[in-house]
Amino acid sequence: MKVHGVIISPNVRKVVVALNAKGLEFENIPVMPGTKTPEFLEISPMGLIPAFEDEGFAFSDSAIIMEYLDEKFPDNALMPSNPKDRALSRWFTEYGGSVVFPPCGALFTQRMANPYYFKIPTDEEVVAKAINETLPPILDYLEARVPGDGFLFGELGSADISIISPFINAEYGGYLIDEKRWPQMAAYVKRGKAHSAFAACLREEDKLRQAVMAEAS
């Protein structure tokens, strides 16, 4: 199996963590967002990362990839078994991608990617809006729903991976969840990062992050 995309991307990270959680072997092929080569568009028609290959079968979208992995490799399930919880799992997976990701991605772009990679000044208005306007209601919503121990449906699953991953990129942008205001969420993200599936991924992406920082300096 092959995962196409830079591992520091929150969406690529989601697939890598899912593979790690299932104990599956794979190859990560670094591809930057927006790549439009004919070869990449063949497996990701919109040019989005991650793209995924399994024995000649190729497609994209992190949520779909995680469901595919769960259906093909049912051991160490990423989704709960009963219909109600499966629906909730899909909901949180979608929420992580469409609601949590944009402000966290903005922080990462403005405070890390732009100054260190693209050599573009940080737009502090974008940063302030994400921190002061967009993220607080998101964190309020999640604070009331994440568990005090463990993960949403027991073991680490797709929903947890999808919610936690964007906050790691926000941390790269210098943002930490306020432990006094949102203690459940702060602890939940820490638990996720400490899980072996996340920890293995973070060790690999830290090498890339350090290389970008060193090159910028």
C-alpha atoms as a PDB file:
ATOM      1  CA  MET A   1       0.000   0.000   0.000  1.00  0.00           C
ATOM      2  CA  LYS A   2       1.124   3.542  -0.785  1.00  0.00           C
ATOM      3  CA  VAL A   3       0.101   6.848   0.770  1.00  0.00           C
ATOM      4  CA  HIS A   4       0.842   9.825  -1.462  1.00  0.00           C
ATOM      5  CA  GLY A   5       1.272  13.151   0.340  1.00  0.00           C
ATOM      6  CA  VAL A   6       3.533  14.963   2.798  1.00  0.00           C
ATOM      7  CA  ILE A   7       3.112  13.399   6.207  1.00  0.00           C
ATOM      8  CA  ILE A   8       2.838  16.766   7.980  1.00  0.00           C
ATOM      9  CA  SER A   9      -0.507  17.350   6.257  1.00  0.00           C
ATOM     10  CA  PRO A  10      -3.336  16.674   8.741  1.00  0.00           C
ATOM     11  CA  ASN A  11      -5.221  14.642   6.139  1.00  0.00           C
ATOM     12  CA  VAL A  12      -2.213  12.545   5.201  1.00  0.00           C
ATOM     13  CA  ARG A  13      -1.469  12.082   8.893  1.00  0.00           C
ATOM     14  CA  LYS A  14      -5.003  10.722   9.415  1.00  0.00           C
ATOM     15  CA  VAL A  15      -4.382   7.883   6.956  1.00  0.00           C
ATOM     16  CA  VAL A  16      -0.899   7.146   8.286  1.00  0.00           C
ATOM     17  CA  VAL A  17      -2.206   6.981  11.867  1.00  0.00           C
ATOM     18  CA  ALA A  18      -5.060   4.726  10.758  1.00  0.00           C
ATOM     19  CA  LEU A  19      -2.592   2.372   9.067  1.00  0.00           C
ATOM     20  CA  ASN A  20      -0.385   2.411  12.163  1.00  0.00           C
ATOM     21  CA  ALA A  21      -3.369   1.658  14.406  1.00  0.00           C
ATOM     22  CA  LYS A  22      -4.159  -1.377  12.271  1.00  0.00           C
ATOM     23  CA  GLY A  23      -0.553  -2.533  12.177  1.00  0.00           C
ATOM     24  CA  LEU A  24      -0.431  -2.394   8.369  1.00  0.00           C
ATOM     25  CA  GLU A  25       2.713  -1.854   6.329  1.00  0.00           C
ATOM     26  CA  PHE A  26       2.761   0.953   3.770  1.00  0.00           C
ATOM     27  CA  GLU A  27       5.008   3.293   1.842  1.00  0.00           C
ATOM     28  CA  ASN A  28       4.683   7.058   2.186  1.00  0.00           C
ATOM     29  CA  ILE A  29       5.460   8.939  -1.013  1.00  0.00           C
ATOM     30  CA  PRO A  30       5.896  12.691  -0.314  1.00  0.00           C
ATOM     31  CA  VAL A  31       3.666  14.754  -2.604  1.00  0.00           C
ATOM     32  CA  MET A  32       2.968  18.437  -2.034  1.00  0.00           C
ATOM     33  CA  PRO A  33      -0.599  19.782  -2.001  1.00  0.00           C
ATOM     34  CA  GLY A  34      -1.694  21.105  -5.357  1.00  0.00           C
ATOM     35  CA  THR A  35       0.500  18.750  -7.382  1.00  0.00           C
ATOM     36  CA  LYS A  36      -0.943  18.555 -10.891  1.00  0.00           C
ATOM     37  CA  THR A  37       1.347  16.133 -12.681  1.00  0.00           C
ATOM     38  CA  PRO A  38      -0.472  13.718 -15.009  1.00  0.00           C
ATOM     39  CA  GLU A  39       0.748  10.787 -12.930  1.00  0.00           C
ATOM     40  CA  PHE A  40      -0.659  12.185  -9.683  1.00  0.00           C
ATOM     41  CA  LEU A  41      -3.923  13.342 -11.241  1.00  0.00           C
ATOM     42  CA  GLU A  42      -4.423   9.788 -12.423  1.00  0.00           C
ATOM     43  CA  ILE A  43      -4.791   8.651  -8.814  1.00  0.00           C
ATOM     44  CA  SER A  44      -6.127  11.932  -7.354  1.00  0.00           C
ATOM     45  CA  PRO A  45      -8.173  13.706 -10.038  1.00  0.00           C
ATOM     46  CA  MET A  46      -8.597  16.858  -7.905  1.00  0.00           C
ATOM     47  CA  GLY A  47      -4.908  17.002  -7.047  1.00  0.00           C
ATOM     48  CA  LEU A  48      -5.663  16.550  -3.340  1.00  0.00           C
ATOM     49  CA  ILE A  49      -3.599  14.714  -0.758  1.00  0.00           C
ATOM     50  CA  PRO A  50      -3.659  12.044   0.425  1.00  0.00           C
ATOM     51  CA  ALA A  51      -4.027   9.710  -2.485  1.00  0.00           C
ATOM     52  CA  PHE A  52      -3.941   5.994  -1.767  1.00  0.00           C
ATOM     53  CA  GLU A  53      -2.925   2.908  -3.722  1.00  0.00           C
ATOM     54  CA  ASP A  54      -3.590  -0.716  -2.855  1.00  0.00           C
ATOM     55  CA  GLU A  55      -2.595  -3.378  -5.373  1.00  0.00           C
ATOM     56  CA  GLY A  56      -3.342  -1.188  -8.373  1.00  0.00           C
ATOM     57  CA  PHE A  57      -6.529   0.287  -6.923  1.00  0.00           C
ATOM     58  CA  ALA A  58      -6.141   4.039  -6.344  1.00  0.00           C
ATOM     59  CA  PHE A  59      -8.374   6.755  -4.914  1.00  0.00           C
ATOM     60  CA  SER A  60      -8.266   9.774  -2.598  1.00  0.00           C
ATOM     61  CA  ASP A  61      -9.978  11.433   0.401  1.00  0.00           C
ATOM     62  CA  SER A  62      -8.798  10.606   3.913  1.00  0.00           C
ATOM     63  CA  ALA A  63     -12.219   9.700   5.347  1.00  0.00           C
ATOM     64  CA  ILE A  64     -12.953   7.300   2.484  1.00  0.00           C
ATOM     65  CA  ILE A  65      -9.495   5.769   2.774  1.00  0.00           C
ATOM     66  CA  MET A  66     -10.000   5.113   6.490  1.00  0.00           C
ATOM     67  CA  GLU A  67     -13.367   3.451   5.849  1.00  0.00           C
ATOM     68  CA  TYR A  68     -11.815   1.349   3.095  1.00  0.00           C
ATOM     69  CA  LEU A  69      -9.074   0.204   5.468  1.00  0.00           C
ATOM     70  CA  ASP A  70     -11.640  -0.696   8.110  1.00  0.00           C
ATOM     71  CA  GLU A  71     -13.724  -2.721   5.686  1.00  0.00           C
ATOM     72  CA  LYS A  72     -10.804  -4.552   4.074  1.00  0.00           C
ATOM     73  CA  PHE A  73      -8.866  -5.097   7.308  1.00  0.00           C
ATOM     74  CA  PRO A  74     -11.470  -5.473  10.093  1.00  0.00           C
ATOM     75  CA  ASP A  75      -8.962  -6.226  12.870  1.00  0.00           C
ATOM     76  CA  ASN A  76      -8.332  -3.282  15.211  1.00  0.00           C
ATOM     77  CA  ALA A  77     -11.510  -1.608  14.015  1.00  0.00           C
ATOM     78  CA  LEU A  78     -11.492   2.146  13.468  1.00  0.00           C
ATOM     79  CA  MET A  79     -15.283   2.415  13.630  1.00  0.00           C
ATOM     80  CA  PRO A  80     -17.774   1.062  16.178  1.00  0.00           C
ATOM     81  CA  SER A  81     -20.008  -1.847  15.225  1.00  0.00           C
ATOM     82  CA  ASN A  82     -23.536  -0.625  15.967  1.00  0.00           C
ATOM     83  CA  PRO A  83     -25.376   1.654  13.513  1.00  0.00           C
ATOM     84  CA  LYS A  84     -25.939   4.542  15.927  1.00  0.00           C
ATOM     85  CA  ASP A  85     -22.293   4.806  16.924  1.00  0.00           C
ATOM     86  CA  ARG A  86     -21.144   4.290  13.341  1.00  0.00           C
ATOM     87  CA  ALA A  87     -23.289   7.247  12.307  1.00  0.00           C
ATOM     88  CA  LEU A  88     -21.809   9.353  15.105  1.00  0.00           C
ATOM     89  CA  SER A  89     -18.317   8.236  14.113  1.00  0.00           C
ATOM     90  CA  ARG A  90     -18.937   9.388  10.544  1.00  0.00           C
ATOM     91  CA  TRP A  91     -20.325  12.675  11.871  1.00  0.00           C
ATOM     92  CA  PHE A  92     -17.229  13.408  13.990  1.00  0.00           C
ATOM     93  CA  THR A  93     -14.980  12.376  11.104  1.00  0.00           C
ATOM     94  CA  GLU A  94     -16.779  14.867   8.880  1.00  0.00           C
ATOM     95  CA  TYR A  95     -16.733  17.528  11.597  1.00  0.00           C
ATOM     96  CA  GLY A  96     -12.985  17.120  11.990  1.00  0.00           C
ATOM     97  CA  GLY A  97     -12.426  17.546   8.269  1.00  0.00           C
ATOM     98  CA  SER A  98     -14.875  20.312   7.423  1.00  0.00           C
ATOM     99  CA  VAL A  99     -15.080  22.326  10.675  1.00  0.00           C
ATOM    100  CA  VAL A 100     -11.946  21.720  12.775  1.00  0.00           C
ATOM    101  CA  PHE A 101      -9.467  21.600   9.928  1.00  0.00           C
ATOM    102  CA  PRO A 102      -9.960  25.108   8.387  1.00  0.00           C
ATOM    103  CA  PRO A 103      -9.000  27.273  11.412  1.00  0.00           C
ATOM    104  CA  CYS A 104      -6.259  24.860  12.508  1.00  0.00           C
ATOM    105  CA  GLY A 105      -4.946  24.765   8.946  1.00  0.00           C
ATOM    106  CA  ALA A 106      -5.008  28.560   8.819  1.00  0.00           C
ATOM    107  CA  LEU A 107      -2.802  28.755  11.913  1.00  0.00           C
ATOM    108  CA  PHE A 108      -0.368  26.247  10.452  1.00  0.00           C
ATOM    109  CA  THR A 109      -0.252  28.060   7.115  1.00  0.00           C
ATOM    110  CA  GLN A 110       0.138  31.526   8.581  1.00  0.00           C
ATOM    111  CA  ARG A 111       2.650  30.768  11.295  1.00  0.00           C
ATOM    112  CA  MET A 112       4.705  27.928   9.836  1.00  0.00           C
ATOM    113  CA  ALA A 113       4.179  27.269   6.132  1.00  0.00           C
ATOM    114  CA  ASN A 114       4.115  30.894   5.000  1.00  0.00           C
ATOM    115  CA  PRO A 115       7.137  32.281   6.890  1.00  0.00           C
ATOM    116  CA  TYR A 116       9.342  29.186   6.803  1.00  0.00           C
ATOM    117  CA  TYR A 117       8.449  27.515   3.519  1.00  0.00           C
ATOM    118  CA  PHE A 118       6.766  30.004   1.194  1.00  0.00           C
ATOM    119  CA  LYS A 119       8.658  33.043   2.582  1.00  0.00           C
ATOM    120  CA  ILE A 120       5.397  34.971   2.916  1.00  0.00           C
ATOM    121  CA  PRO A 121       4.669  37.205   5.936  1.00  0.00           C
ATOM    122  CA  THR A 122       2.134  35.968   8.473  1.00  0.00           C
ATOM    123  CA  ASP A 123      -1.293  37.572   8.249  1.00  0.00           C
ATOM    124  CA  GLU A 124      -1.996  38.258  11.915  1.00  0.00           C
ATOM    125  CA  GLU A 125      -5.629  39.131  11.199  1.00  0.00           C
ATOM    126  CA  VAL A 126      -6.209  35.589   9.935  1.00  0.00           C
ATOM    127  CA  VAL A 127      -4.452  34.219  13.027  1.00  0.00           C
ATOM    128  CA  ALA A 128      -6.487  36.380  15.400  1.00  0.00           C
ATOM    129  CA  LYS A 129      -9.769  35.409  13.756  1.00  0.00           C
ATOM    130  CA  ALA A 130      -8.978  31.692  14.019  1.00  0.00           C
ATOM    131  CA  ILE A 131      -7.970  31.948  17.679  1.00  0.00           C
ATOM    132  CA  ASN A 132     -10.551  34.414  18.943  1.00  0.00           C
ATOM    133  CA  GLU A 133     -13.600  33.776  16.756  1.00  0.00           C
ATOM    134  CA  THR A 134     -13.552  30.444  14.950  1.00  0.00           C
ATOM    135  CA  LEU A 135     -11.963  27.988  17.368  1.00  0.00           C
ATOM    136  CA  PRO A 136     -13.728  28.837  20.670  1.00  0.00           C
ATOM    137  CA  PRO A 137     -17.218  27.617  19.620  1.00  0.00           C
ATOM    138  CA  ILE A 138     -15.658  24.521  18.060  1.00  0.00           C
ATOM    139  CA  LEU A 139     -13.833  23.755  21.290  1.00  0.00           C
ATOM    140  CA  ASP A 140     -16.965  24.464  23.325  1.00  0.00           C
ATOM    141  CA  TYR A 141     -18.858  21.919  21.230  1.00  0.00           C
ATOM    142  CA  LEU A 142     -16.166  19.257  21.477  1.00  0.00           C
ATOM    143  CA  GLU A 143     -15.491  19.884  25.181  1.00  0.00           C
ATOM    144  CA  ALA A 144     -18.996  18.692  25.971  1.00  0.00           C
ATOM    145  CA  ARG A 145     -18.614  15.527  23.886  1.00  0.00           C
ATOM    146  CA  VAL A 146     -15.138  14.052  24.202  1.00  0.00           C
ATOM    147  CA  PRO A 147     -14.631  11.547  27.042  1.00  0.00           C
ATOM    148  CA  GLY A 148     -12.642  12.185  30.194  1.00  0.00           C
ATOM    149  CA  ASP A 149     -10.689   8.975  29.560  1.00  0.00           C
ATOM    150  CA  GLY A 150      -9.924   6.986  26.441  1.00  0.00           C
ATOM    151  CA  PHE A 151     -11.502   7.879  23.136  1.00  0.00           C
ATOM    152  CA  LEU A 152     -14.925   8.523  21.638  1.00  0.00           C
ATOM    153  CA  PHE A 153     -15.880   4.897  21.029  1.00  0.00           C
ATOM    154  CA  GLY A 154     -13.399   3.043  23.208  1.00  0.00           C
ATOM    155  CA  GLU A 155     -10.182   2.498  21.300  1.00  0.00           C
ATOM    156  CA  LEU A 156      -8.633   5.140  19.039  1.00  0.00           C
ATOM    157  CA  GLY A 157     -10.751   5.334  15.889  1.00  0.00           C
ATOM    158  CA  SER A 158     -11.406   7.324  12.739  1.00  0.00           C
ATOM    159  CA  ALA A 159     -13.423   9.967  14.572  1.00  0.00           C
ATOM    160  CA  ASP A 160     -10.660  10.607  17.107  1.00  0.00           C
ATOM    161  CA  ILE A 161      -7.985  10.675  14.429  1.00  0.00           C
ATOM    162  CA  SER A 162      -9.988  13.190  12.404  1.00  0.00           C
ATOM    163  CA  ILE A 163     -10.543  15.538  15.350  1.00  0.00           C
ATOM    164  CA  ILE A 164      -7.067  15.338  16.876  1.00  0.00           C
ATOM    165  CA  SER A 165      -4.978  15.598  13.712  1.00  0.00           C
ATOM    166  CA  PRO A 166      -5.836  19.236  12.831  1.00  0.00           C
ATOM    167  CA  PHE A 167      -4.985  20.400  16.346  1.00  0.00           C
ATOM    168  CA  ILE A 168      -1.461  19.047  15.885  1.00  0.00           C
ATOM    169  CA  ASN A 169      -1.037  21.400  12.942  1.00  0.00           C
ATOM    170  CA  ALA A 170      -2.437  24.233  15.037  1.00  0.00           C
ATOM    171  CA  GLU A 171       0.280  23.437  17.586  1.00  0.00           C
ATOM    172  CA  TYR A 172       2.876  23.722  14.847  1.00  0.00           C
ATOM    173  CA  GLY A 173       1.423  27.183  14.348  1.00  0.00           C
ATOM    174  CA  GLY A 174       2.025  28.000  18.004  1.00  0.00           C
ATOM    175  CA  TYR A 175      -1.531  27.371  19.255  1.00  0.00           C
ATOM    176  CA  LEU A 176      -2.239  25.282  22.340  1.00  0.00           C
ATOM    177  CA  ILE A 177      -5.702  24.515  23.683  1.00  0.00           C
ATOM    178  CA  ASP A 178      -6.313  26.446  26.902  1.00  0.00           C
ATOM    179  CA  GLU A 179      -6.303  23.723  29.576  1.00  0.00           C
ATOM    180  CA  LYS A 180      -8.299  25.841  32.006  1.00  0.00           C
ATOM    181  CA  ARG A 181     -11.051  26.736  29.553  1.00  0.00           C
ATOM    182  CA  TRP A 182     -11.216  23.388  27.719  1.00  0.00           C
ATOM    183  CA  PRO A 183      -9.624  20.780  30.038  1.00  0.00           C
ATOM    184  CA  GLN A 184     -11.346  17.774  28.444  1.00  0.00           C
ATOM    185  CA  MET A 185     -10.192  18.708  24.949  1.00  0.00           C
ATOM    186  CA  ALA A 186      -6.659  19.539  26.017  1.00  0.00           C
ATOM    187  CA  ALA A 187      -6.330  16.154  27.743  1.00  0.00           C
ATOM    188  CA  TYR A 188      -8.014  14.344  24.844  1.00  0.00           C
ATOM    189  CA  VAL A 189      -5.564  15.730  22.286  1.00  0.00           C
ATOM    190  CA  LYS A 190      -2.626  14.868  24.559  1.00  0.00           C
ATOM    191  CA  ARG A 191      -3.902  11.282  24.880  1.00  0.00           C
ATOM    192  CA  GLY A 192      -4.201  11.021  21.142  1.00  0.00           C
ATOM    193  CA  LYS A 193      -0.672  12.275  20.528  1.00  0.00           C
ATOM    194  CA  ALA A 194       0.669   9.796  23.086  1.00  0.00           C
ATOM    195  CA  HIS A 195      -1.057   6.826  21.414  1.00  0.00           C
ATOM    196  CA  SER A 196       1.489   4.623  19.635  1.00  0.00           C
ATOM    197  CA  ALA A 197      -0.218   5.094  16.246  1.00  0.00           C
ATOM    198  CA  PHE A 198       0.081   8.877  16.486  1.00  0.00           C
ATOM    199  CA  ALA A 199       3.487   8.850  18.185  1.00  0.00           C
ATOM    200  CA  ALA A 200       5.083   6.816  15.369  1.00  0.00           C
ATOM    201  CA  CYS A 201       3.699   9.236  12.798  1.00  0.00           C
ATOM    202  CA  LEU A 202       4.799  12.312  14.740  1.00  0.00           C
ATOM    203  CA  ARG A 203       8.359  11.024  14.972  1.00  0.00           C
ATOM    204  CA  GLU A 204       8.527  10.772  11.191  1.00  0.00           C
ATOM    205  CA  GLU A 205       6.950  14.134  10.470  1.00  0.00           C
ATOM    206  CA  ASP A 206       9.153  15.859  13.026  1.00  0.00           C
ATOM    207  CA  LYS A 207      12.110  15.028  10.802  1.00  0.00           C
ATOM    208  CA  LEU A 208      10.417  16.887   7.937  1.00  0.00           C
ATOM    209  CA  ARG A 209       9.451  19.819  10.152  1.00  0.00           C
ATOM    210  CA  GLN A 210      12.971  20.173  11.494  1.00  0.00           C
ATOM    211  CA  ALA A 211      14.388  20.043   7.952  1.00  0.00           C
ATOM    212  CA  VAL A 212      12.066  22.857   6.819  1.00  0.00           C
ATOM    213  CA  MET A 213      12.987  24.976   9.843  1.00  0.00           C
ATOM    214  CA  ALA A 214      16.713  24.347   9.337  1.00  0.00           C
ATOM    215  CA  GLU A 215      16.509  25.243   5.653  1.00  0.00           C
ATOM    216  CA  ALA A 216      14.636  28.442   6.489  1.00  0.00           C
ATOM    217  CA  SER A 217      17.297  29.502   8.977  1.00  0.00           C
END
